[in-house]
N, C-alpha and C. Protein backbone atom coordinates (compact mmCIF):
# COMPACT_ATOMS: atom_id res chain seq x y z
N MET A 1 38.44 -40.97 -8.50
CA MET A 1 39.07 -40.32 -7.37
C MET A 1 38.80 -38.79 -7.41
N LYS A 2 38.40 -38.23 -6.32
CA LYS A 2 38.23 -36.83 -6.24
C LYS A 2 39.60 -36.01 -6.38
N ARG A 3 39.47 -34.91 -7.09
CA ARG A 3 40.55 -33.98 -7.22
C ARG A 3 40.08 -32.60 -6.69
N VAL A 4 41.10 -31.85 -6.32
CA VAL A 4 40.83 -30.47 -6.02
C VAL A 4 41.53 -29.67 -7.05
N ILE A 5 40.80 -28.69 -7.63
CA ILE A 5 41.35 -27.91 -8.71
C ILE A 5 41.27 -26.48 -8.23
N LEU A 6 42.45 -25.84 -8.26
CA LEU A 6 42.53 -24.40 -7.79
C LEU A 6 42.59 -23.52 -9.01
N LEU A 7 41.74 -22.53 -9.06
CA LEU A 7 41.64 -21.58 -10.15
C LEU A 7 42.04 -20.19 -9.67
N HIS A 8 43.04 -19.63 -10.29
CA HIS A 8 43.50 -18.26 -9.93
C HIS A 8 42.54 -17.27 -10.57
N GLY A 9 42.63 -16.01 -10.06
CA GLY A 9 41.91 -14.92 -10.68
C GLY A 9 42.57 -14.28 -11.87
N ASN A 10 41.97 -13.29 -12.44
CA ASN A 10 42.65 -12.63 -13.57
C ASN A 10 43.92 -11.98 -13.12
N GLY A 11 44.97 -12.18 -13.92
CA GLY A 11 46.27 -11.71 -13.61
C GLY A 11 47.04 -12.59 -12.71
N GLY A 12 46.45 -13.73 -12.24
CA GLY A 12 47.12 -14.66 -11.32
C GLY A 12 47.82 -15.75 -12.07
N SER A 13 48.55 -16.53 -11.31
CA SER A 13 49.18 -17.78 -11.88
C SER A 13 49.36 -18.76 -10.73
N LYS A 14 49.60 -19.96 -11.09
CA LYS A 14 49.69 -21.07 -10.02
C LYS A 14 50.76 -20.82 -9.00
N GLY A 15 51.84 -20.22 -9.44
CA GLY A 15 52.96 -20.08 -8.54
C GLY A 15 52.92 -18.89 -7.59
N THR A 16 52.10 -17.91 -8.00
CA THR A 16 52.12 -16.60 -7.21
C THR A 16 50.80 -16.19 -6.68
N ASP A 17 49.70 -16.85 -6.98
CA ASP A 17 48.40 -16.37 -6.67
C ASP A 17 48.06 -16.64 -5.20
N ASN A 18 48.29 -15.67 -4.40
CA ASN A 18 47.86 -15.66 -2.96
C ASN A 18 48.28 -16.91 -2.23
N TRP A 19 47.29 -17.63 -1.74
CA TRP A 19 47.41 -18.81 -0.88
C TRP A 19 47.50 -20.16 -1.68
N GLN A 20 47.38 -20.10 -3.00
CA GLN A 20 47.26 -21.33 -3.72
C GLN A 20 48.48 -22.36 -3.57
N PRO A 21 49.77 -21.82 -3.65
CA PRO A 21 50.84 -22.74 -3.44
C PRO A 21 50.76 -23.46 -2.12
N TYR A 22 50.47 -22.75 -1.06
CA TYR A 22 50.34 -23.34 0.28
C TYR A 22 49.29 -24.41 0.34
N ILE A 23 48.08 -24.10 -0.24
CA ILE A 23 46.95 -25.05 -0.20
C ILE A 23 47.27 -26.28 -0.94
N LYS A 24 47.93 -26.08 -2.13
CA LYS A 24 48.28 -27.25 -2.95
C LYS A 24 49.27 -28.18 -2.23
N GLU A 25 50.25 -27.62 -1.64
CA GLU A 25 51.24 -28.42 -0.89
C GLU A 25 50.60 -29.20 0.28
N GLU A 26 49.74 -28.45 0.96
CA GLU A 26 49.06 -29.12 2.15
C GLU A 26 48.15 -30.24 1.73
N LEU A 27 47.37 -30.03 0.68
CA LEU A 27 46.49 -31.11 0.21
C LEU A 27 47.27 -32.30 -0.33
N GLU A 28 48.32 -32.07 -1.03
CA GLU A 28 49.14 -33.18 -1.46
C GLU A 28 49.81 -33.92 -0.40
N LYS A 29 50.11 -33.28 0.69
CA LYS A 29 50.66 -34.01 1.90
C LYS A 29 49.70 -35.02 2.44
N LEU A 30 48.34 -34.70 2.25
CA LEU A 30 47.27 -35.60 2.69
C LEU A 30 46.93 -36.65 1.61
N GLY A 31 47.64 -36.64 0.54
CA GLY A 31 47.40 -37.58 -0.54
C GLY A 31 46.27 -37.21 -1.49
N ILE A 32 45.90 -35.96 -1.45
CA ILE A 32 44.81 -35.49 -2.35
C ILE A 32 45.41 -34.95 -3.60
N ILE A 33 44.87 -35.40 -4.73
CA ILE A 33 45.33 -34.86 -6.02
C ILE A 33 44.88 -33.46 -6.15
N CYS A 34 45.77 -32.53 -6.38
CA CYS A 34 45.49 -31.09 -6.45
C CYS A 34 46.12 -30.54 -7.72
N LEU A 35 45.31 -29.93 -8.53
CA LEU A 35 45.77 -29.25 -9.73
C LEU A 35 45.72 -27.77 -9.49
N SER A 36 46.73 -27.08 -9.94
CA SER A 36 46.75 -25.61 -9.87
C SER A 36 47.38 -25.09 -11.15
N PRO A 37 46.60 -25.09 -12.20
CA PRO A 37 47.11 -24.75 -13.49
C PRO A 37 47.20 -23.23 -13.70
N ASP A 38 48.18 -22.88 -14.58
CA ASP A 38 48.15 -21.48 -15.18
C ASP A 38 47.09 -21.50 -16.23
N LEU A 39 46.02 -20.79 -15.97
CA LEU A 39 44.93 -20.80 -16.91
C LEU A 39 45.26 -19.87 -18.11
N PRO A 40 44.78 -20.21 -19.32
CA PRO A 40 45.03 -19.41 -20.48
C PRO A 40 44.33 -18.05 -20.38
N ASP A 41 44.88 -17.03 -21.16
CA ASP A 41 44.18 -15.72 -21.13
C ASP A 41 44.10 -15.21 -19.67
N ASN A 42 45.18 -15.37 -18.87
CA ASN A 42 45.01 -15.18 -17.44
C ASN A 42 44.80 -13.72 -17.08
N VAL A 43 45.13 -12.73 -17.92
CA VAL A 43 44.93 -11.36 -17.53
C VAL A 43 43.42 -10.97 -17.72
N ALA A 44 42.80 -11.33 -18.83
CA ALA A 44 41.42 -10.99 -19.06
C ALA A 44 40.44 -12.05 -18.54
N ALA A 45 40.91 -13.28 -18.36
CA ALA A 45 40.14 -14.33 -17.78
C ALA A 45 38.78 -14.55 -18.50
N ARG A 46 38.86 -14.53 -19.86
CA ARG A 46 37.63 -14.66 -20.59
C ARG A 46 37.06 -16.06 -20.69
N MET A 47 35.80 -16.12 -20.54
CA MET A 47 35.04 -17.40 -20.54
C MET A 47 35.34 -18.13 -21.80
N LYS A 48 35.39 -17.54 -22.94
CA LYS A 48 35.56 -18.34 -24.22
C LYS A 48 36.91 -19.01 -24.31
N TYR A 49 37.85 -18.69 -23.42
CA TYR A 49 39.14 -19.42 -23.39
C TYR A 49 39.13 -20.44 -22.16
N TRP A 50 38.51 -19.97 -21.09
CA TRP A 50 38.65 -20.76 -19.82
C TRP A 50 37.75 -21.99 -19.96
N PHE A 51 36.52 -21.89 -20.40
CA PHE A 51 35.63 -23.03 -20.37
C PHE A 51 36.11 -24.21 -21.28
N PRO A 52 36.61 -23.96 -22.53
CA PRO A 52 37.23 -25.04 -23.31
C PRO A 52 38.38 -25.69 -22.52
N TYR A 53 39.18 -24.87 -21.86
CA TYR A 53 40.28 -25.39 -21.10
C TYR A 53 39.77 -26.25 -19.94
N PHE A 54 38.71 -25.84 -19.24
CA PHE A 54 38.10 -26.70 -18.19
C PHE A 54 37.65 -28.03 -18.72
N ASP A 55 37.01 -27.97 -19.90
CA ASP A 55 36.55 -29.23 -20.53
C ASP A 55 37.64 -30.13 -21.16
N ASN A 56 38.52 -29.58 -21.88
CA ASN A 56 39.51 -30.31 -22.69
C ASN A 56 40.82 -30.60 -22.01
N GLU A 57 41.24 -29.72 -21.16
CA GLU A 57 42.54 -29.92 -20.49
C GLU A 57 42.36 -30.43 -18.98
N LEU A 58 41.51 -29.81 -18.31
CA LEU A 58 41.30 -30.22 -16.92
C LEU A 58 40.30 -31.31 -16.74
N ASN A 59 39.41 -31.45 -17.74
CA ASN A 59 38.30 -32.44 -17.64
C ASN A 59 37.55 -32.45 -16.35
N ILE A 60 37.13 -31.26 -15.97
CA ILE A 60 36.37 -31.12 -14.68
C ILE A 60 35.14 -31.90 -14.78
N ASP A 61 34.82 -32.65 -13.66
CA ASP A 61 33.62 -33.46 -13.60
C ASP A 61 32.96 -33.42 -12.23
N ASP A 62 31.95 -34.22 -12.09
CA ASP A 62 31.18 -34.21 -10.82
C ASP A 62 31.89 -34.80 -9.58
N ASN A 63 33.11 -35.29 -9.80
CA ASN A 63 33.96 -35.75 -8.66
C ASN A 63 34.85 -34.70 -8.15
N ASP A 64 35.02 -33.58 -8.95
CA ASP A 64 36.02 -32.56 -8.57
C ASP A 64 35.51 -31.50 -7.65
N ILE A 65 36.33 -31.12 -6.76
CA ILE A 65 36.07 -29.92 -5.90
C ILE A 65 36.88 -28.79 -6.59
N VAL A 66 36.21 -27.66 -6.83
CA VAL A 66 36.87 -26.63 -7.57
C VAL A 66 36.90 -25.36 -6.69
N VAL A 67 38.11 -24.89 -6.41
CA VAL A 67 38.33 -23.80 -5.58
C VAL A 67 38.78 -22.63 -6.44
N GLY A 68 38.07 -21.46 -6.38
CA GLY A 68 38.44 -20.33 -7.25
C GLY A 68 38.54 -19.07 -6.45
N HIS A 69 39.51 -18.23 -6.79
CA HIS A 69 39.70 -16.94 -6.25
C HIS A 69 39.30 -15.86 -7.27
N SER A 70 38.45 -14.96 -6.83
CA SER A 70 38.08 -13.72 -7.69
C SER A 70 37.41 -14.24 -8.96
N SER A 71 38.03 -13.89 -10.07
CA SER A 71 37.43 -14.30 -11.38
C SER A 71 37.46 -15.84 -11.57
N GLY A 72 38.30 -16.52 -10.80
CA GLY A 72 38.28 -18.01 -10.76
C GLY A 72 36.99 -18.46 -10.12
N ALA A 73 36.54 -17.81 -9.06
CA ALA A 73 35.30 -18.17 -8.43
C ALA A 73 34.10 -17.80 -9.24
N LEU A 74 34.17 -16.70 -9.91
CA LEU A 74 33.12 -16.29 -10.88
C LEU A 74 32.96 -17.33 -11.92
N ALA A 75 34.12 -17.78 -12.50
CA ALA A 75 34.04 -18.79 -13.57
C ALA A 75 33.43 -20.11 -13.13
N ILE A 76 33.75 -20.49 -11.86
CA ILE A 76 33.17 -21.68 -11.27
C ILE A 76 31.64 -21.65 -11.31
N MET A 77 31.14 -20.52 -10.81
CA MET A 77 29.68 -20.41 -10.78
C MET A 77 29.01 -20.44 -12.12
N LYS A 78 29.58 -19.74 -13.09
CA LYS A 78 29.02 -19.81 -14.43
C LYS A 78 29.11 -21.18 -15.02
N TYR A 79 30.25 -21.84 -14.79
CA TYR A 79 30.48 -23.15 -15.29
C TYR A 79 29.45 -24.13 -14.70
N ALA A 80 29.16 -23.96 -13.40
CA ALA A 80 28.26 -24.87 -12.72
C ALA A 80 26.80 -24.67 -13.22
N GLU A 81 26.51 -23.66 -14.01
CA GLU A 81 25.16 -23.56 -14.56
C GLU A 81 24.89 -24.71 -15.52
N THR A 82 25.96 -25.25 -16.17
CA THR A 82 25.74 -26.25 -17.16
C THR A 82 26.56 -27.53 -16.98
N HIS A 83 27.34 -27.60 -15.85
CA HIS A 83 28.22 -28.72 -15.61
C HIS A 83 28.08 -29.10 -14.12
N LYS A 84 28.08 -30.38 -13.89
CA LYS A 84 28.08 -30.92 -12.49
C LYS A 84 29.48 -30.87 -11.90
N LEU A 85 29.53 -30.46 -10.64
CA LEU A 85 30.75 -30.47 -9.84
C LEU A 85 30.58 -31.24 -8.55
N GLY A 86 31.71 -31.62 -7.97
CA GLY A 86 31.67 -32.29 -6.66
C GLY A 86 31.36 -31.27 -5.51
N GLY A 87 31.67 -30.04 -5.76
CA GLY A 87 31.43 -28.94 -4.85
C GLY A 87 32.36 -27.77 -5.24
N SER A 88 32.13 -26.60 -4.61
CA SER A 88 32.98 -25.48 -4.87
C SER A 88 33.24 -24.65 -3.69
N VAL A 89 34.42 -24.03 -3.74
CA VAL A 89 34.81 -23.05 -2.67
C VAL A 89 35.12 -21.78 -3.42
N LEU A 90 34.29 -20.74 -3.11
CA LEU A 90 34.30 -19.45 -3.85
C LEU A 90 34.96 -18.36 -2.89
N ILE A 91 36.07 -17.86 -3.30
CA ILE A 91 36.82 -16.94 -2.48
C ILE A 91 36.93 -15.65 -3.14
N GLY A 92 36.50 -14.56 -2.50
CA GLY A 92 36.50 -13.22 -3.14
C GLY A 92 35.64 -13.17 -4.32
N THR A 93 34.39 -13.73 -4.26
CA THR A 93 33.59 -13.90 -5.39
C THR A 93 32.58 -12.77 -5.60
N TYR A 94 32.04 -12.61 -6.82
CA TYR A 94 31.14 -11.57 -7.19
C TYR A 94 30.25 -12.01 -8.30
N TYR A 95 29.18 -11.20 -8.65
CA TYR A 95 28.29 -11.65 -9.71
C TYR A 95 27.95 -10.56 -10.65
N THR A 96 28.46 -9.26 -10.43
CA THR A 96 28.28 -8.15 -11.39
C THR A 96 29.64 -7.82 -12.01
N ASP A 97 29.58 -7.05 -13.07
CA ASP A 97 30.87 -6.62 -13.67
C ASP A 97 31.61 -5.55 -12.84
N LEU A 98 31.02 -5.17 -11.80
CA LEU A 98 31.62 -4.17 -10.82
C LEU A 98 32.01 -2.78 -11.52
N GLY A 99 31.50 -2.57 -12.69
CA GLY A 99 31.79 -1.33 -13.40
C GLY A 99 33.11 -1.33 -14.14
N TYR A 100 33.76 -2.50 -14.24
CA TYR A 100 35.09 -2.58 -14.91
C TYR A 100 34.92 -3.07 -16.31
N GLU A 101 35.53 -2.41 -17.29
CA GLU A 101 35.38 -2.77 -18.70
C GLU A 101 35.93 -4.17 -18.99
N ASN A 102 37.03 -4.52 -18.35
CA ASN A 102 37.59 -5.88 -18.64
C ASN A 102 36.65 -6.94 -18.10
N GLU A 103 35.95 -6.71 -17.02
CA GLU A 103 34.97 -7.66 -16.51
C GLU A 103 33.81 -7.79 -17.50
N LYS A 104 33.32 -6.63 -17.99
CA LYS A 104 32.24 -6.71 -18.96
C LYS A 104 32.58 -7.54 -20.15
N ALA A 105 33.84 -7.46 -20.61
CA ALA A 105 34.31 -8.15 -21.78
C ALA A 105 34.63 -9.69 -21.56
N SER A 106 34.50 -10.13 -20.29
CA SER A 106 34.89 -11.51 -19.99
C SER A 106 33.88 -12.48 -20.50
N GLY A 107 32.66 -12.11 -20.68
CA GLY A 107 31.68 -13.06 -21.19
C GLY A 107 30.79 -13.60 -20.00
N TYR A 108 31.17 -13.48 -18.81
CA TYR A 108 30.43 -14.04 -17.76
C TYR A 108 29.09 -13.31 -17.44
N PHE A 109 29.01 -12.09 -17.90
CA PHE A 109 27.82 -11.27 -17.64
C PHE A 109 26.87 -11.10 -18.83
N ASP A 110 27.14 -11.89 -19.85
CA ASP A 110 26.35 -11.78 -21.15
C ASP A 110 24.92 -12.40 -20.91
N THR A 111 24.74 -13.26 -19.95
CA THR A 111 23.52 -13.89 -19.70
C THR A 111 23.14 -13.75 -18.24
N ASP A 112 21.91 -13.82 -17.91
CA ASP A 112 21.52 -13.77 -16.47
C ASP A 112 21.99 -15.00 -15.72
N TRP A 113 22.19 -14.86 -14.42
CA TRP A 113 22.66 -15.97 -13.64
C TRP A 113 21.51 -16.95 -13.40
N ASN A 114 21.75 -18.26 -13.48
CA ASN A 114 20.87 -19.31 -13.27
C ASN A 114 21.21 -19.95 -11.89
N TRP A 115 20.82 -19.32 -10.86
CA TRP A 115 21.15 -19.78 -9.48
C TRP A 115 20.69 -21.15 -9.16
N GLU A 116 19.49 -21.50 -9.66
CA GLU A 116 18.95 -22.78 -9.37
C GLU A 116 19.77 -23.89 -10.01
N SER A 117 20.24 -23.69 -11.18
CA SER A 117 21.10 -24.65 -11.85
C SER A 117 22.51 -24.77 -11.17
N ILE A 118 23.01 -23.66 -10.69
CA ILE A 118 24.26 -23.66 -10.05
C ILE A 118 24.17 -24.50 -8.76
N LYS A 119 23.02 -24.32 -8.04
CA LYS A 119 22.83 -25.13 -6.82
C LYS A 119 22.59 -26.58 -7.17
N ALA A 120 21.81 -26.86 -8.17
CA ALA A 120 21.43 -28.21 -8.52
C ALA A 120 22.63 -28.99 -9.10
N ASN A 121 23.63 -28.33 -9.66
CA ASN A 121 24.74 -29.05 -10.26
C ASN A 121 25.91 -29.31 -9.37
N GLN A 122 25.73 -29.10 -8.06
CA GLN A 122 26.74 -29.40 -7.06
C GLN A 122 26.17 -29.60 -5.73
N PRO A 123 26.62 -30.53 -4.97
CA PRO A 123 26.00 -30.84 -3.66
C PRO A 123 26.19 -29.76 -2.60
N TRP A 124 27.26 -28.99 -2.76
CA TRP A 124 27.53 -27.95 -1.73
C TRP A 124 28.46 -26.85 -2.29
N SER A 125 28.46 -25.74 -1.69
CA SER A 125 29.40 -24.63 -2.01
C SER A 125 29.70 -23.84 -0.70
N VAL A 126 30.86 -23.29 -0.69
CA VAL A 126 31.32 -22.51 0.45
C VAL A 126 31.86 -21.14 -0.03
N ILE A 127 31.55 -20.10 0.64
CA ILE A 127 32.01 -18.78 0.22
C ILE A 127 32.87 -18.19 1.36
N PHE A 128 34.03 -17.61 1.03
CA PHE A 128 34.86 -16.81 1.90
C PHE A 128 34.90 -15.41 1.37
N ALA A 129 34.64 -14.44 2.20
CA ALA A 129 34.64 -13.05 1.77
C ALA A 129 35.29 -12.21 2.89
N SER A 130 35.77 -11.02 2.55
CA SER A 130 36.23 -10.09 3.60
C SER A 130 35.55 -8.76 3.39
N GLU A 131 35.22 -8.26 4.61
CA GLU A 131 34.50 -6.95 4.69
C GLU A 131 35.25 -5.76 4.01
N ASP A 132 36.64 -5.88 4.02
CA ASP A 132 37.47 -4.79 3.54
C ASP A 132 38.10 -5.03 2.14
N ASP A 133 37.41 -6.00 1.42
CA ASP A 133 37.96 -6.23 0.02
C ASP A 133 37.93 -4.99 -0.78
N PRO A 134 39.10 -4.54 -1.35
CA PRO A 134 39.14 -3.23 -2.03
C PRO A 134 38.52 -3.36 -3.44
N TYR A 135 38.23 -4.55 -3.93
CA TYR A 135 37.72 -4.66 -5.29
C TYR A 135 36.27 -5.08 -5.32
N ILE A 136 35.85 -5.86 -4.30
CA ILE A 136 34.49 -6.40 -4.30
C ILE A 136 33.70 -5.96 -3.07
N PRO A 137 32.65 -5.20 -3.28
CA PRO A 137 31.78 -4.78 -2.14
C PRO A 137 31.22 -6.04 -1.42
N ILE A 138 31.16 -6.04 -0.16
CA ILE A 138 30.70 -7.20 0.64
C ILE A 138 29.31 -7.63 0.28
N GLU A 139 28.58 -6.72 -0.30
CA GLU A 139 27.11 -7.10 -0.70
C GLU A 139 27.13 -8.09 -1.81
N GLU A 140 28.21 -8.20 -2.65
CA GLU A 140 28.29 -9.13 -3.73
C GLU A 140 28.28 -10.59 -3.12
N PRO A 141 29.28 -10.96 -2.29
CA PRO A 141 29.23 -12.30 -1.85
C PRO A 141 28.07 -12.61 -0.92
N ARG A 142 27.56 -11.66 -0.21
CA ARG A 142 26.36 -11.87 0.61
C ARG A 142 25.16 -12.25 -0.24
N PHE A 143 25.01 -11.55 -1.38
CA PHE A 143 23.91 -11.84 -2.32
C PHE A 143 24.10 -13.30 -2.86
N ILE A 144 25.27 -13.60 -3.24
CA ILE A 144 25.53 -14.99 -3.83
C ILE A 144 25.19 -16.04 -2.72
N HIS A 145 25.64 -15.78 -1.55
CA HIS A 145 25.34 -16.72 -0.41
C HIS A 145 23.79 -16.93 -0.31
N ASP A 146 23.05 -15.80 -0.41
CA ASP A 146 21.54 -15.99 -0.31
C ASP A 146 21.01 -16.79 -1.49
N GLN A 147 21.54 -16.60 -2.66
CA GLN A 147 21.11 -17.31 -3.87
C GLN A 147 21.41 -18.79 -3.79
N LEU A 148 22.58 -19.16 -3.33
CA LEU A 148 23.07 -20.53 -3.34
C LEU A 148 22.80 -21.24 -2.05
N ASP A 149 22.45 -20.53 -1.05
CA ASP A 149 22.23 -21.15 0.32
C ASP A 149 23.49 -21.93 0.72
N SER A 150 24.67 -21.29 0.47
CA SER A 150 25.98 -21.86 0.65
C SER A 150 26.36 -21.65 2.11
N GLU A 151 27.43 -22.37 2.49
CA GLU A 151 28.10 -22.10 3.75
C GLU A 151 28.81 -20.79 3.52
N TYR A 152 28.93 -19.93 4.58
CA TYR A 152 29.43 -18.56 4.28
C TYR A 152 30.29 -18.16 5.46
N TYR A 153 31.51 -17.62 5.12
CA TYR A 153 32.41 -17.09 6.10
C TYR A 153 32.78 -15.69 5.69
N GLU A 154 32.40 -14.77 6.60
CA GLU A 154 32.78 -13.33 6.35
C GLU A 154 33.82 -13.00 7.31
N LEU A 155 35.01 -12.54 6.77
CA LEU A 155 36.14 -12.28 7.57
C LEU A 155 36.38 -10.76 7.61
N GLU A 156 37.26 -10.39 8.53
CA GLU A 156 37.64 -8.97 8.69
C GLU A 156 39.10 -8.77 8.35
N ASN A 157 39.42 -7.67 7.74
CA ASN A 157 40.80 -7.24 7.56
C ASN A 157 41.63 -8.25 6.76
N GLU A 158 40.95 -8.88 5.76
CA GLU A 158 41.65 -9.88 4.92
C GLU A 158 41.83 -9.37 3.46
N GLY A 159 41.30 -8.22 3.22
CA GLY A 159 41.39 -7.64 1.82
C GLY A 159 40.82 -8.54 0.78
N HIS A 160 41.47 -8.73 -0.32
CA HIS A 160 40.97 -9.56 -1.45
C HIS A 160 41.42 -11.00 -1.26
N LEU A 161 41.66 -11.38 -0.04
CA LEU A 161 41.95 -12.75 0.36
C LEU A 161 43.09 -13.30 -0.60
């Protein structure tokens, strides 16, 4: 059975991260299994802690739809380089360290992006971005959209979504 897994960004949690509680509740009303975990190392969002959690606790597989916000979206893309997914929804996503030291230390930027593998390991992806995101320049999600040939929604006045 397909599950939807919601991944918060750095500093987030399942109970407070933006729209996640609402989405979880609405999906569950439809009978869809929806997980919204508090990820370990939630402030730094480091790959060395998140990926073992994805494998050993969440058991993410090719039936799962993974929805990520900010560093949660970043993690999904990097994870999809080597793991099959049912699909992904990337919200407020980016692909560079944006000049932030904590982003550089996360581990996601230690290797080049393998866009072809990310595409090949999932049948579809969708990106939501806002022109006025105070953290992520709109060029970042536009570039990712071009690389993944994803469905793309660019919004106005939604900030960091």
